Amino acid sequence: VQLQASGGGLVQAGGSLRLSCAGSGRTFSSYGMGWFRQTPGKEREFVGGISWSGDSTGYADSVEGRFTITRDNAKKMLYLQMKRLEPEDTAVYYCAAAREGYYSRTPDPYKWWGQGTQVTVSS
């Protein structure tokens, strides 16, 4: 599986962005997917995850109610809709595919990673 993240950019606090992650490979729909983010000097942080079917999702407390993760298996796409963005959301965002059908809140179970897309929220 190869993943390509896009959609990052500069936005003012309170604004919105939608990140996309394009996948390849016939088994894309079999894997749980996740979004993580990372800032310099810090470990990669779980943002949200979604099961292979899309029926199960989970979010970090810091983004719950503001971010929504979805997927379109027919198009092999993963999305992260981000609303009411805050300066603390500034980071490089990564999409990832897990080795199994359910997402994890830790990075270890994820086998494939996209290249990252920068999100900068100005105050």
N, C-alpha and C. Protein backbone atom coordinates (compact mmCIF):
# COMPACT_ATOMS: atom_id res chain seq x y z
N VAL A 1 0.85 -1.19 0.00
CA VAL A 1 0.00 0.00 0.00
C VAL A 1 0.89 1.24 0.00
N GLN A 2 0.59 2.16 -0.88
CA GLN A 2 1.27 3.46 -0.89
C GLN A 2 0.25 4.53 -0.57
N LEU A 3 0.66 5.50 0.23
CA LEU A 3 -0.24 6.55 0.69
C LEU A 3 0.34 7.91 0.34
N GLN A 4 -0.54 8.82 -0.07
CA GLN A 4 -0.14 10.17 -0.44
C GLN A 4 -1.08 11.15 0.22
N ALA A 5 -0.58 11.90 1.20
CA ALA A 5 -1.39 12.87 1.92
C ALA A 5 -1.31 14.23 1.24
N SER A 6 -2.41 14.96 1.30
CA SER A 6 -2.45 16.30 0.73
C SER A 6 -3.52 17.12 1.45
N GLY A 7 -3.55 18.41 1.14
CA GLY A 7 -4.60 19.27 1.66
C GLY A 7 -4.18 20.19 2.78
N GLY A 8 -2.95 20.08 3.24
CA GLY A 8 -2.49 20.97 4.29
C GLY A 8 -2.32 22.39 3.79
N GLY A 9 -2.07 23.29 4.72
CA GLY A 9 -1.89 24.69 4.35
C GLY A 9 -1.92 25.59 5.56
N LEU A 10 -2.01 26.88 5.29
CA LEU A 10 -2.06 27.90 6.33
C LEU A 10 -3.49 28.38 6.48
N VAL A 11 -4.00 28.39 7.70
CA VAL A 11 -5.36 28.82 7.95
C VAL A 11 -5.41 29.59 9.27
N GLN A 12 -6.35 30.50 9.38
CA GLN A 12 -6.51 31.25 10.62
C GLN A 12 -7.25 30.41 11.65
N ALA A 13 -7.02 30.72 12.90
CA ALA A 13 -7.73 30.05 13.97
C ALA A 13 -9.23 30.19 13.76
N GLY A 14 -9.93 29.08 13.99
CA GLY A 14 -11.37 29.06 13.77
C GLY A 14 -11.76 28.57 12.39
N GLY A 15 -10.77 28.46 11.50
CA GLY A 15 -11.04 28.03 10.14
C GLY A 15 -11.09 26.52 10.00
N SER A 16 -11.21 26.08 8.75
CA SER A 16 -11.36 24.66 8.45
C SER A 16 -10.39 24.25 7.34
N LEU A 17 -10.05 22.97 7.35
CA LEU A 17 -9.27 22.35 6.28
C LEU A 17 -9.74 20.91 6.15
N ARG A 18 -9.59 20.36 4.95
CA ARG A 18 -9.83 18.94 4.76
C ARG A 18 -8.58 18.29 4.20
N LEU A 19 -8.06 17.35 4.92
CA LEU A 19 -6.92 16.58 4.45
C LEU A 19 -7.41 15.35 3.70
N SER A 20 -6.65 14.99 2.68
CA SER A 20 -6.95 13.79 1.91
C SER A 20 -5.75 12.87 1.90
N CYS A 21 -6.02 11.60 1.77
CA CYS A 21 -4.96 10.60 1.69
C CYS A 21 -5.34 9.61 0.60
N ALA A 22 -4.59 9.62 -0.48
CA ALA A 22 -4.87 8.72 -1.60
C ALA A 22 -4.08 7.43 -1.42
N GLY A 23 -4.77 6.32 -1.51
CA GLY A 23 -4.13 5.03 -1.34
C GLY A 23 -4.04 4.26 -2.65
N SER A 24 -3.17 3.29 -2.66
CA SER A 24 -3.05 2.41 -3.81
C SER A 24 -3.00 0.98 -3.31
N GLY A 25 -3.23 0.05 -4.23
CA GLY A 25 -3.22 -1.35 -3.83
C GLY A 25 -4.62 -1.91 -3.69
N ARG A 26 -4.77 -3.15 -4.06
CA ARG A 26 -6.09 -3.77 -4.08
C ARG A 26 -6.65 -4.01 -2.69
N THR A 27 -5.79 -4.03 -1.67
CA THR A 27 -6.25 -4.36 -0.33
C THR A 27 -6.49 -3.14 0.54
N PHE A 28 -6.54 -1.95 -0.05
CA PHE A 28 -6.75 -0.72 0.73
C PHE A 28 -7.95 -0.85 1.64
N SER A 29 -9.04 -1.41 1.13
CA SER A 29 -10.28 -1.48 1.91
C SER A 29 -10.20 -2.47 3.06
N SER A 30 -9.14 -3.23 3.16
CA SER A 30 -9.02 -4.23 4.22
C SER A 30 -8.41 -3.68 5.50
N TYR A 31 -7.83 -2.50 5.42
CA TYR A 31 -7.02 -2.01 6.53
C TYR A 31 -7.70 -0.90 7.32
N GLY A 32 -7.48 -0.96 8.63
CA GLY A 32 -7.80 0.20 9.43
C GLY A 32 -6.86 1.33 9.08
N MET A 33 -7.34 2.56 9.20
CA MET A 33 -6.55 3.72 8.83
C MET A 33 -6.52 4.72 9.97
N GLY A 34 -5.48 5.52 9.97
CA GLY A 34 -5.37 6.53 11.02
C GLY A 34 -4.72 7.80 10.52
N TRP A 35 -4.98 8.87 11.24
CA TRP A 35 -4.27 10.14 11.06
C TRP A 35 -3.47 10.41 12.33
N PHE A 36 -2.23 10.78 12.15
CA PHE A 36 -1.36 11.17 13.24
C PHE A 36 -0.78 12.54 12.92
N ARG A 37 -0.25 13.20 13.94
CA ARG A 37 0.42 14.47 13.70
C ARG A 37 1.66 14.57 14.57
N GLN A 38 2.57 15.40 14.12
CA GLN A 38 3.84 15.52 14.82
C GLN A 38 4.37 16.93 14.70
N THR A 39 4.89 17.44 15.81
CA THR A 39 5.59 18.72 15.84
C THR A 39 7.04 18.47 16.22
N PRO A 40 7.93 19.39 15.89
CA PRO A 40 9.36 19.18 16.16
C PRO A 40 9.64 18.88 17.63
N GLY A 41 10.42 17.85 17.86
CA GLY A 41 10.80 17.50 19.22
C GLY A 41 9.79 16.69 19.98
N LYS A 42 8.66 16.39 19.35
CA LYS A 42 7.62 15.61 20.03
C LYS A 42 7.37 14.31 19.29
N GLU A 43 6.79 13.35 19.99
CA GLU A 43 6.45 12.08 19.38
C GLU A 43 5.20 12.23 18.52
N ARG A 44 5.07 11.31 17.60
CA ARG A 44 3.89 11.31 16.74
C ARG A 44 2.65 11.04 17.58
N GLU A 45 1.61 11.83 17.36
CA GLU A 45 0.41 11.82 18.19
C GLU A 45 -0.79 11.34 17.39
N PHE A 46 -1.57 10.44 17.96
CA PHE A 46 -2.79 9.97 17.34
C PHE A 46 -3.80 11.10 17.25
N VAL A 47 -4.44 11.22 16.09
CA VAL A 47 -5.48 12.22 15.88
C VAL A 47 -6.85 11.54 15.74
N GLY A 48 -6.94 10.59 14.82
CA GLY A 48 -8.18 9.88 14.59
C GLY A 48 -7.94 8.59 13.84
N GLY A 49 -8.86 7.65 13.97
CA GLY A 49 -8.75 6.38 13.29
C GLY A 49 -10.09 5.88 12.81
N ILE A 50 -10.07 4.99 11.84
CA ILE A 50 -11.29 4.46 11.26
C ILE A 50 -11.06 3.01 10.87
N SER A 51 -12.08 2.19 11.10
CA SER A 51 -11.96 0.78 10.76
C SER A 51 -12.07 0.57 9.25
N TRP A 52 -11.82 -0.64 8.81
CA TRP A 52 -11.81 -0.93 7.39
C TRP A 52 -13.14 -0.61 6.73
N SER A 53 -14.24 -0.83 7.45
CA SER A 53 -15.57 -0.59 6.88
C SER A 53 -16.05 0.84 7.07
N GLY A 54 -15.40 1.56 7.94
CA GLY A 54 -15.86 2.90 8.26
C GLY A 54 -16.87 2.95 9.39
N ASP A 55 -17.24 1.79 9.91
CA ASP A 55 -18.27 1.73 10.95
C ASP A 55 -17.77 2.18 12.31
N SER A 56 -16.49 2.10 12.53
CA SER A 56 -15.91 2.46 13.82
C SER A 56 -14.87 3.55 13.65
N THR A 57 -15.02 4.61 14.43
CA THR A 57 -14.05 5.70 14.41
C THR A 57 -13.68 6.08 15.85
N GLY A 58 -12.54 6.71 15.98
CA GLY A 58 -12.10 7.18 17.28
C GLY A 58 -11.21 8.39 17.13
N TYR A 59 -11.20 9.24 18.16
CA TYR A 59 -10.48 10.50 18.08
C TYR A 59 -9.71 10.77 19.37
N ALA A 60 -8.67 11.56 19.23
CA ALA A 60 -7.98 12.06 20.40
C ALA A 60 -8.92 13.05 21.10
N ASP A 61 -8.79 13.13 22.41
CA ASP A 61 -9.65 14.05 23.17
C ASP A 61 -9.51 15.49 22.67
N SER A 62 -8.32 15.85 22.25
CA SER A 62 -8.05 17.24 21.86
C SER A 62 -8.76 17.64 20.57
N VAL A 63 -9.22 16.67 19.78
CA VAL A 63 -9.87 17.01 18.51
C VAL A 63 -11.31 16.51 18.45
N GLU A 64 -11.74 15.77 19.45
CA GLU A 64 -13.10 15.24 19.48
C GLU A 64 -14.11 16.35 19.31
N GLY A 65 -15.04 16.16 18.38
CA GLY A 65 -16.07 17.16 18.13
C GLY A 65 -15.67 18.22 17.12
N ARG A 66 -14.40 18.29 16.78
CA ARG A 66 -13.93 19.26 15.78
C ARG A 66 -13.46 18.59 14.49
N PHE A 67 -12.91 17.39 14.62
CA PHE A 67 -12.37 16.66 13.46
C PHE A 67 -13.26 15.46 13.16
N THR A 68 -13.34 15.13 11.87
CA THR A 68 -14.10 13.96 11.44
C THR A 68 -13.29 13.18 10.42
N ILE A 69 -13.13 11.90 10.68
CA ILE A 69 -12.40 11.03 9.76
C ILE A 69 -13.40 10.18 8.97
N THR A 70 -13.19 10.10 7.68
CA THR A 70 -14.04 9.28 6.82
C THR A 70 -13.16 8.59 5.78
N ARG A 71 -13.74 7.63 5.09
CA ARG A 71 -13.02 6.95 4.03
C ARG A 71 -13.99 6.59 2.91
N ASP A 72 -13.44 6.47 1.72
CA ASP A 72 -14.19 6.02 0.55
C ASP A 72 -13.38 4.89 -0.06
N ASN A 73 -13.76 3.67 0.24
CA ASN A 73 -12.97 2.52 -0.21
C ASN A 73 -13.01 2.35 -1.72
N ALA A 74 -14.10 2.72 -2.34
CA ALA A 74 -14.19 2.61 -3.80
C ALA A 74 -13.16 3.50 -4.47
N LYS A 75 -12.91 4.66 -3.89
CA LYS A 75 -11.93 5.59 -4.44
C LYS A 75 -10.56 5.43 -3.79
N LYS A 76 -10.45 4.57 -2.80
CA LYS A 76 -9.19 4.37 -2.05
C LYS A 76 -8.72 5.69 -1.46
N MET A 77 -9.64 6.36 -0.78
CA MET A 77 -9.35 7.67 -0.20
C MET A 77 -9.69 7.68 1.29
N LEU A 78 -8.88 8.41 2.03
CA LEU A 78 -9.10 8.68 3.44
C LEU A 78 -9.13 10.19 3.61
N TYR A 79 -10.02 10.66 4.49
CA TYR A 79 -10.17 12.10 4.68
C TYR A 79 -10.13 12.46 6.17
N LEU A 80 -9.73 13.68 6.42
CA LEU A 80 -9.82 14.25 7.77
C LEU A 80 -10.36 15.67 7.63
N GLN A 81 -11.62 15.83 8.00
CA GLN A 81 -12.23 17.16 8.00
C GLN A 81 -11.92 17.81 9.33
N MET A 82 -11.29 18.97 9.28
CA MET A 82 -10.88 19.67 10.50
C MET A 82 -11.61 21.01 10.57
N LYS A 83 -12.33 21.23 11.66
CA LYS A 83 -13.07 22.47 11.86
C LYS A 83 -12.62 23.14 13.15
N ARG A 84 -12.93 24.41 13.28
CA ARG A 84 -12.59 25.20 14.47
C ARG A 84 -11.13 24.95 14.84
N LEU A 85 -10.28 25.12 13.87
CA LEU A 85 -8.86 24.87 14.08
C LEU A 85 -8.26 25.85 15.08
N GLU A 86 -7.30 25.34 15.83
CA GLU A 86 -6.62 26.11 16.87
C GLU A 86 -5.12 26.11 16.58
N PRO A 87 -4.40 27.12 17.07
CA PRO A 87 -2.94 27.14 16.84
C PRO A 87 -2.26 25.86 17.31
N GLU A 88 -2.82 25.24 18.34
CA GLU A 88 -2.24 23.99 18.86
C GLU A 88 -2.38 22.83 17.88
N ASP A 89 -3.18 22.99 16.85
CA ASP A 89 -3.33 21.94 15.82
C ASP A 89 -2.21 22.00 14.78
N THR A 90 -1.37 23.01 14.86
CA THR A 90 -0.27 23.14 13.92
C THR A 90 0.68 21.95 14.05
N ALA A 91 0.92 21.28 12.93
CA ALA A 91 1.76 20.07 12.93
C ALA A 91 1.86 19.55 11.50
N VAL A 92 2.72 18.57 11.33
CA VAL A 92 2.72 17.77 10.11
C VAL A 92 1.79 16.60 10.35
N TYR A 93 0.84 16.43 9.44
CA TYR A 93 -0.16 15.39 9.57
C TYR A 93 0.17 14.22 8.64
N TYR A 94 0.08 13.01 9.19
CA TYR A 94 0.40 11.80 8.45
C TYR A 94 -0.81 10.87 8.41
N CYS A 95 -1.05 10.26 7.27
CA CYS A 95 -2.02 9.18 7.20
C CYS A 95 -1.27 7.85 7.25
N ALA A 96 -1.94 6.84 7.75
CA ALA A 96 -1.29 5.55 7.92
C ALA A 96 -2.30 4.42 7.79
N ALA A 97 -1.81 3.29 7.31
CA ALA A 97 -2.65 2.09 7.17
C ALA A 97 -2.12 1.02 8.11
N ALA A 98 -3.04 0.42 8.85
CA ALA A 98 -2.67 -0.60 9.82
C ALA A 98 -2.53 -1.97 9.16
N ARG A 99 -1.94 -2.89 9.87
CA ARG A 99 -1.75 -4.25 9.36
C ARG A 99 -3.03 -5.06 9.42
N GLU A 100 -4.07 -4.56 10.09
CA GLU A 100 -5.32 -5.29 10.21
C GLU A 100 -6.48 -4.34 9.98
N GLY A 101 -7.69 -4.84 10.20
CA GLY A 101 -8.88 -4.09 9.81
C GLY A 101 -9.32 -2.99 10.76
N TYR A 102 -8.68 -2.89 11.93
CA TYR A 102 -9.10 -1.89 12.90
C TYR A 102 -7.95 -0.93 13.21
N TYR A 103 -8.30 0.28 13.59
CA TYR A 103 -7.28 1.29 13.83
C TYR A 103 -6.70 1.11 15.23
N SER A 104 -5.59 1.74 15.43
CA SER A 104 -4.94 1.75 16.73
C SER A 104 -4.62 3.18 17.11
N ARG A 105 -4.55 3.45 18.38
CA ARG A 105 -4.20 4.78 18.86
C ARG A 105 -2.70 4.96 19.05
N THR A 106 -1.95 3.92 18.77
CA THR A 106 -0.50 4.02 18.83
C THR A 106 0.08 3.74 17.45
N PRO A 107 1.27 4.27 17.15
CA PRO A 107 1.83 4.15 15.80
C PRO A 107 2.29 2.73 15.43
N ASP A 108 2.64 1.92 16.41
CA ASP A 108 3.30 0.65 16.11
C ASP A 108 2.55 -0.27 15.15
N PRO A 109 1.21 -0.41 15.29
CA PRO A 109 0.50 -1.34 14.39
C PRO A 109 0.37 -0.88 12.95
N TYR A 110 0.77 0.34 12.66
CA TYR A 110 0.63 0.86 11.31
C TYR A 110 1.86 0.50 10.49
N LYS A 111 1.60 -0.09 9.34
CA LYS A 111 2.71 -0.58 8.52
C LYS A 111 3.09 0.39 7.43
N TRP A 112 2.10 1.13 6.90
CA TRP A 112 2.36 2.03 5.79
C TRP A 112 2.03 3.46 6.19
N TRP A 113 2.87 4.39 5.79
CA TRP A 113 2.71 5.80 6.14
C TRP A 113 2.82 6.69 4.92
N GLY A 114 1.99 7.72 4.88
CA GLY A 114 2.13 8.74 3.87
C GLY A 114 3.28 9.67 4.22
N GLN A 115 3.55 10.62 3.33
CA GLN A 115 4.72 11.47 3.49
C GLN A 115 4.48 12.66 4.42
N GLY A 116 3.25 12.94 4.78
CA GLY A 116 2.96 14.06 5.66
C GLY A 116 2.58 15.32 4.91
N THR A 117 1.70 16.09 5.51
CA THR A 117 1.30 17.37 4.95
C THR A 117 1.24 18.39 6.09
N GLN A 118 1.79 19.57 5.86
CA GLN A 118 1.92 20.58 6.92
C GLN A 118 0.61 21.35 7.08
N VAL A 119 0.18 21.45 8.32
CA VAL A 119 -0.96 22.28 8.69
C VAL A 119 -0.47 23.35 9.66
N THR A 120 -0.70 24.61 9.30
CA THR A 120 -0.29 25.72 10.16
C THR A 120 -1.52 26.57 10.45
N VAL A 121 -1.79 26.76 11.74
CA VAL A 121 -2.94 27.55 12.16
C VAL A 121 -2.42 28.81 12.85
N SER A 122 -2.75 29.94 12.30
CA SER A 122 -2.29 31.21 12.87
C SER A 122 -3.32 31.77 13.84
N SER A 123 -2.83 32.45 14.84
CA SER A 123 -3.74 33.01 15.86
C SER A 123 -4.18 34.42 15.50
